[in-house]
């Protein structure tokens, strides 16, 4: 009986020791913070992975995620600067950077944190889109809009020990009831812009054609003037040579002879032609050998 009683006591003590040991050991993973609380108050934060100890039954350990978290905002209507309604659907990437501040302001609650994020980000989306026209919102969907929203949020979440890493827009669309009308208006505006560009291009092309035609006309006029000058110089040279020929009796006689031959040759072209010359003409004397 004594032996049995000793075994029971030893077993009880062993179980108690295990319970005390298990309540004293704190295991921290790589992707989490551990908050050590004493009577509800945070005594210290464990931010390195490993095993540590706490006071059993007096201190408790809470877990806060260290990795990047995703919060998906509900789709909501926003109004642009030109009073057009659009449907915005966004999500946020965030993380806890100060676990102590997070615990003190939000009671270590992820739900409380998401509620704060929802309010802050929605207000920023509403403010940014409200300062832009609908066309600017649509054309800014390549990243400019998300950057503007994140800049508008600024450090609003730092007071909760939270950092917003990115605010991205999944969908930014028109409500179904006015989407067709807006698209038709945008198409009409683009057609007007295209028509303006076409008219400007045609006017510029006509200006270039007019300039080219004027330059061509000037070039032709200059060429004709040069040709007339050259022709006049040729005529003058011809008359000078002709005058020199007639001033020399021998040259004049030879010139008259060649001119007579040319005239006879021209008149005898073809078939069955007859050349009638007066007997006292120079050409007739050439033919009869006088």
Protein backbone atom coordinates (compact mmCIF):
# COMPACT_ATOMS: atom_id res chain seq x y z
CA UNK A 1 0.00 0.00 0.00
CA UNK A 2 2.83 2.38 0.87
CA UNK A 3 4.48 1.59 -2.44
CA UNK A 4 1.29 2.23 -4.33
CA UNK A 5 0.79 5.53 -2.53
CA UNK A 6 4.29 6.61 -3.42
CA UNK A 7 3.69 5.78 -7.06
CA UNK A 8 0.48 7.81 -7.09
CA UNK A 9 2.22 10.77 -5.52
CA UNK A 10 5.13 10.49 -7.94
CA UNK A 11 2.77 10.28 -10.90
CA UNK A 12 0.83 13.25 -9.66
CA UNK A 13 3.97 15.28 -9.22
CA UNK A 14 5.18 14.27 -12.69
CA UNK A 15 1.90 15.32 -14.26
CA UNK A 16 1.98 18.59 -12.37
CA UNK A 17 5.55 19.16 -13.49
CA UNK A 18 4.59 18.50 -17.09
CA UNK A 19 1.66 20.89 -16.81
CA UNK A 20 3.87 23.58 -15.30
CA UNK A 21 6.56 23.00 -17.90
CA UNK A 22 4.12 23.12 -20.81
CA UNK A 23 2.58 26.33 -19.52
CA UNK A 24 6.04 27.84 -19.14
CA UNK A 25 7.38 27.09 -22.60
CA UNK A 26 6.63 29.47 -25.49
CA UNK A 27 7.40 28.34 -29.04
CA UNK A 28 7.66 31.16 -31.61
CA UNK A 29 7.46 30.41 -35.36
CA UNK A 30 9.19 32.34 -38.16
CA UNK A 31 5.94 33.89 -39.39
CA UNK A 32 4.60 35.19 -36.08
CA UNK A 33 5.10 37.47 -33.10
CA UNK A 34 4.40 36.27 -29.56
CA UNK A 35 3.03 38.71 -26.98
CA UNK A 36 3.66 37.80 -23.36
CA UNK A 37 0.85 39.18 -21.16
CA UNK A 38 0.70 39.34 -17.39
CA UNK A 39 -2.81 39.81 -16.10
CA UNK A 40 -3.81 41.10 -19.54
CA UNK A 41 -1.01 43.63 -19.87
CA UNK A 42 1.71 43.08 -22.48
CA UNK A 43 5.03 42.60 -20.71
CA UNK A 44 7.21 42.00 -23.75
CA UNK A 45 7.20 40.88 -27.38
CA UNK A 46 9.05 37.88 -28.80
CA UNK A 47 9.88 38.55 -32.45
CA UNK A 48 12.57 35.91 -33.07
CA UNK A 49 11.76 32.30 -33.84
CA UNK A 50 12.67 29.78 -31.12
CA UNK A 51 11.74 28.53 -27.65
CA UNK A 52 11.45 30.82 -24.62
CA UNK A 53 9.95 30.70 -21.12
CA UNK A 54 7.20 32.54 -19.29
CA UNK A 55 5.74 32.41 -15.80
CA UNK A 56 3.16 29.63 -15.67
CA UNK A 57 -0.44 30.48 -14.80
CA UNK A 58 0.47 34.17 -14.41
CA UNK A 59 1.61 35.00 -17.94
CA UNK A 60 -0.11 34.11 -21.21
CA UNK A 61 1.11 34.19 -24.81
CA UNK A 62 -0.83 35.65 -27.74
CA UNK A 63 0.09 35.13 -31.39
CA UNK A 64 0.17 37.89 -34.00
CA UNK A 65 1.01 37.14 -37.68
CA UNK A 66 4.29 38.48 -39.01
CA UNK A 67 3.80 37.66 -42.71
CA UNK A 68 2.18 39.87 -45.37
CA UNK A 69 -1.61 39.80 -45.13
CA UNK A 70 -4.28 40.38 -47.77
CA UNK A 71 -7.49 42.29 -47.20
CA UNK A 72 -10.09 42.40 -49.97
CA UNK A 73 -12.33 45.46 -49.81
CA UNK A 74 -15.95 45.15 -50.81
CA UNK A 75 -16.85 46.67 -54.17
CA UNK A 76 -18.40 50.11 -53.73
CA UNK A 77 -19.61 53.08 -55.75
CA UNK A 78 -17.48 56.21 -56.00
CA UNK A 79 -18.22 59.52 -57.72
CA UNK A 80 -15.75 61.32 -60.01
CA UNK A 81 -15.09 65.06 -60.15
CA UNK A 82 -17.52 65.40 -63.08
CA UNK A 83 -20.27 63.65 -61.06
CA UNK A 84 -20.01 60.28 -62.79
CA UNK A 85 -20.55 57.12 -60.75
CA UNK A 86 -17.99 54.31 -60.99
CA UNK A 87 -17.65 50.92 -59.33
CA UNK A 88 -14.38 50.38 -57.44
CA UNK A 89 -13.11 46.97 -56.25
CA UNK A 90 -9.71 47.00 -54.49
CA UNK A 91 -7.49 44.95 -52.22
CA UNK A 92 -4.71 45.82 -49.78
CA UNK A 93 -1.43 44.12 -48.90
CA UNK A 94 -0.42 44.94 -45.32
CA UNK A 95 1.68 43.75 -42.43
CA UNK A 96 2.13 44.37 -38.72
CA UNK A 97 5.35 46.27 -38.07
CA UNK A 98 4.86 47.17 -34.40
CA UNK A 99 3.14 44.30 -32.55
CA UNK A 100 3.07 46.17 -29.23
CA UNK A 101 1.28 49.18 -30.71
CA UNK A 102 -1.00 46.81 -32.64
CA UNK A 103 -1.96 45.07 -29.41
CA UNK A 104 -2.50 48.30 -27.50
CA UNK A 105 -4.66 50.05 -30.13
CA UNK A 106 -6.51 47.15 -31.76
CA UNK A 107 -6.41 44.57 -28.99
CA UNK A 108 -4.39 42.20 -31.23
CA UNK A 109 -7.47 41.69 -33.41
CA UNK A 110 -7.06 41.12 -37.15
CA UNK A 111 -10.76 41.89 -37.59
CA UNK A 112 -10.35 45.27 -35.89
CA UNK A 113 -7.33 45.97 -38.12
CA UNK A 114 -9.26 45.11 -41.28
CA UNK A 115 -12.11 47.40 -40.25
CA UNK A 116 -9.65 50.28 -39.84
CA UNK A 117 -8.00 49.48 -43.17
CA UNK A 118 -11.38 49.33 -44.88
CA UNK A 119 -12.33 52.80 -43.62
CA UNK A 120 -8.99 54.45 -44.39
CA UNK A 121 -8.56 52.95 -47.86
CA UNK A 122 -12.16 53.52 -48.92
CA UNK A 123 -11.92 57.19 -47.92
CA UNK A 124 -8.69 57.53 -49.86
CA UNK A 125 -10.20 55.87 -52.96
CA UNK A 126 -13.19 58.19 -52.70
CA UNK A 127 -11.01 61.29 -52.29
CA UNK A 128 -8.63 60.45 -55.14
CA UNK A 129 -11.34 59.48 -57.63
CA UNK A 130 -13.41 62.46 -56.53
CA UNK A 131 -10.56 64.76 -57.60
CA UNK A 132 -10.35 63.27 -61.12
CA UNK A 133 -12.62 63.28 -64.14
CA UNK A 134 -14.01 60.01 -65.41
CA UNK A 135 -11.67 60.03 -68.39
CA UNK A 136 -8.65 60.60 -66.12
CA UNK A 137 -9.74 57.72 -63.87
CA UNK A 138 -10.10 55.36 -66.83
CA UNK A 139 -6.75 56.38 -68.35
CA UNK A 140 -4.98 56.05 -64.96
CA UNK A 141 -5.59 52.35 -64.49
CA UNK A 142 -2.00 51.42 -65.44
CA UNK A 143 -0.71 52.13 -61.93
CA UNK A 144 -1.04 55.89 -61.53
CA UNK A 145 -4.37 55.59 -59.71
CA UNK A 146 -3.12 52.97 -57.21
CA UNK A 147 -0.05 55.07 -56.48
CA UNK A 148 -2.19 58.17 -55.90
CA UNK A 149 -4.46 56.23 -53.51
CA UNK A 150 -1.50 54.89 -51.53
CA UNK A 151 0.04 58.35 -51.30
CA UNK A 152 -3.29 59.70 -50.07
CA UNK A 153 -3.38 57.03 -47.32
CA UNK A 154 0.12 58.06 -46.27
CA UNK A 155 0.99 57.05 -42.71
CA UNK A 156 -2.59 56.85 -41.44
CA UNK A 157 -2.14 53.23 -40.29
CA UNK A 158 1.18 53.70 -38.52
CA UNK A 159 -0.61 54.66 -35.31
CA UNK A 160 -1.91 51.09 -35.18
CA UNK A 161 1.48 49.50 -35.84
CA UNK A 162 0.44 48.62 -39.39
CA UNK A 163 2.10 49.35 -42.73
CA UNK A 164 0.18 49.27 -46.01
CA UNK A 165 2.46 47.77 -48.63
CA UNK A 166 0.20 48.18 -51.65
CA UNK A 167 -3.28 49.31 -52.56
CA UNK A 168 -4.30 47.74 -55.86
CA UNK A 169 -7.48 48.12 -57.89
CA UNK A 170 -8.87 44.83 -59.14
CA UNK A 171 -11.72 46.41 -61.04
CA UNK A 172 -12.72 49.96 -61.80
CA UNK A 173 -15.73 49.97 -64.02
CA UNK A 174 -18.90 51.82 -64.91
CA UNK A 175 -22.24 50.81 -63.46
CA UNK A 176 -24.17 48.60 -65.85
CA UNK A 177 -27.01 51.10 -66.29
CA UNK A 178 -24.87 53.87 -67.84
CA UNK A 179 -21.92 51.93 -69.26
CA UNK A 180 -23.26 51.89 -72.84
CA UNK A 181 -24.06 55.62 -72.84
CA UNK A 182 -20.63 56.52 -71.46
CA UNK A 183 -18.83 54.33 -74.00
CA UNK A 184 -20.81 55.88 -76.86
CA UNK A 185 -19.96 59.37 -75.59
CA UNK A 186 -16.28 58.46 -75.34
CA UNK A 187 -16.33 57.02 -78.87
CA UNK A 188 -17.96 60.23 -80.14
CA UNK A 189 -15.32 62.36 -78.42
CA UNK A 190 -12.52 60.24 -79.88
CA UNK A 191 -14.10 60.55 -83.35
CA UNK A 192 -14.13 64.34 -82.96
CA UNK A 193 -10.49 64.35 -81.92
CA UNK A 194 -9.61 62.10 -84.88
CA UNK A 195 -11.52 64.40 -87.26
CA UNK A 196 -9.61 67.40 -85.88
CA UNK A 197 -6.28 65.64 -86.40
CA UNK A 198 -7.34 64.65 -89.94
CA UNK A 199 -8.35 68.23 -90.81
CA UNK A 200 -5.07 69.58 -89.41
CA UNK A 201 -3.13 66.99 -91.40
CA UNK A 202 -4.97 67.83 -94.60
CA UNK A 203 -4.37 71.56 -94.09
CA UNK A 204 -0.69 70.95 -93.50
CA UNK A 205 -0.52 68.71 -96.58
CA UNK A 206 -2.20 71.40 -98.71
CA UNK A 207 0.26 73.96 -97.37
CA UNK A 208 3.16 71.71 -98.35
CA UNK A 209 1.66 71.12 -101.81
CA UNK A 210 1.18 74.86 -102.37
CA UNK A 211 4.75 75.57 -101.30
CA UNK A 212 6.04 72.80 -103.58
CA UNK A 213 3.96 74.00 -106.55
CA UNK A 214 5.24 77.55 -106.03
CA UNK A 215 8.84 76.33 -105.87
CA UNK A 216 8.32 74.23 -109.03
CA UNK A 217 6.77 77.20 -110.86
CA UNK A 218 9.70 79.39 -109.84
CA UNK A 219 12.17 76.73 -110.97
CA UNK A 220 10.40 76.36 -114.34
CA UNK A 221 10.28 80.14 -114.80
CA UNK A 222 13.99 80.42 -114.01
CA UNK A 223 14.77 77.58 -116.43
CA UNK A 224 12.68 79.18 -119.18
CA UNK A 225 14.43 82.52 -118.60
CA UNK A 226 17.81 80.83 -118.79
CA UNK A 227 16.74 78.97 -121.96
CA UNK A 228 15.54 82.24 -123.53
CA UNK A 229 18.82 83.92 -122.62
CA UNK A 230 20.83 81.05 -124.09
CA UNK A 231 18.66 81.08 -127.23
CA UNK A 232 19.12 84.83 -127.59
CA UNK A 233 22.87 84.41 -127.21
CA UNK A 234 22.76 81.70 -129.91
CA UNK A 235 20.75 83.90 -132.24
CA UNK A 236 23.16 86.76 -131.66
CA UNK A 237 26.12 84.51 -132.33
CA UNK A 238 24.38 83.23 -135.48
CA UNK A 239 23.78 86.75 -136.75
CA UNK A 240 27.38 87.69 -135.98
CA UNK A 241 28.69 84.68 -137.92
CA UNK A 242 26.27 85.43 -140.77
CA UNK A 243 27.37 89.06 -140.85
CA UNK A 244 31.02 88.02 -140.99
CA UNK A 245 30.23 85.66 -143.85
CA UNK A 246 28.51 88.35 -145.93
CA UNK A 247 31.27 90.87 -145.31
CA UNK A 248 33.77 88.55 -147.11
CA UNK A 249 32.87 88.26 -150.88
CA UNK A 250 34.29 84.76 -151.18
CA UNK A 251 32.50 83.57 -148.08
CA UNK A 252 29.31 85.29 -149.19
CA UNK A 253 29.44 83.56 -152.58
CA UNK A 254 30.11 80.16 -150.96
CA UNK A 255 27.34 80.71 -148.47
CA UNK A 256 24.89 81.63 -151.24
CA UNK A 257 25.99 78.51 -153.11
CA UNK A 258 25.34 76.20 -150.12
CA UNK A 259 22.01 77.88 -149.41
CA UNK A 260 20.98 77.32 -153.03
CA UNK A 261 21.92 73.65 -152.81
CA UNK A 262 19.96 73.27 -149.58
CA UNK A 263 16.93 74.90 -151.17
CA UNK A 264 17.16 72.64 -154.24
CA UNK A 265 17.57 69.53 -152.06
CA UNK A 266 14.53 70.47 -150.01
CA UNK A 267 12.37 71.07 -153.08
CA UNK A 268 13.34 67.78 -154.78
CA UNK A 269 12.39 65.44 -151.92
CA UNK A 270 9.95 62.73 -152.84
CA UNK A 271 9.12 61.30 -156.28
CA UNK A 272 8.24 62.95 -159.65
CA UNK A 273 9.36 66.41 -158.57
CA UNK A 274 10.37 69.11 -161.06
CA UNK A 275 12.53 72.08 -160.23
CA UNK A 276 11.91 75.14 -162.45
CA UNK A 277 14.58 77.80 -162.29
CA UNK A 278 15.06 81.02 -164.22
CA UNK A 279 17.98 80.81 -166.62
CA UNK A 280 19.76 83.70 -164.97
CA UNK A 281 19.59 82.32 -161.44
CA UNK A 282 22.77 81.35 -159.64
CA UNK A 283 21.53 77.82 -159.11
CA UNK A 284 20.69 77.37 -162.77
CA UNK A 285 24.14 78.54 -163.74
CA UNK A 286 25.61 75.93 -161.39
CA UNK A 287 23.57 73.14 -163.00
CA UNK A 288 24.39 74.18 -166.60
CA UNK A 289 28.05 74.70 -165.71
CA UNK A 290 28.32 78.44 -166.35
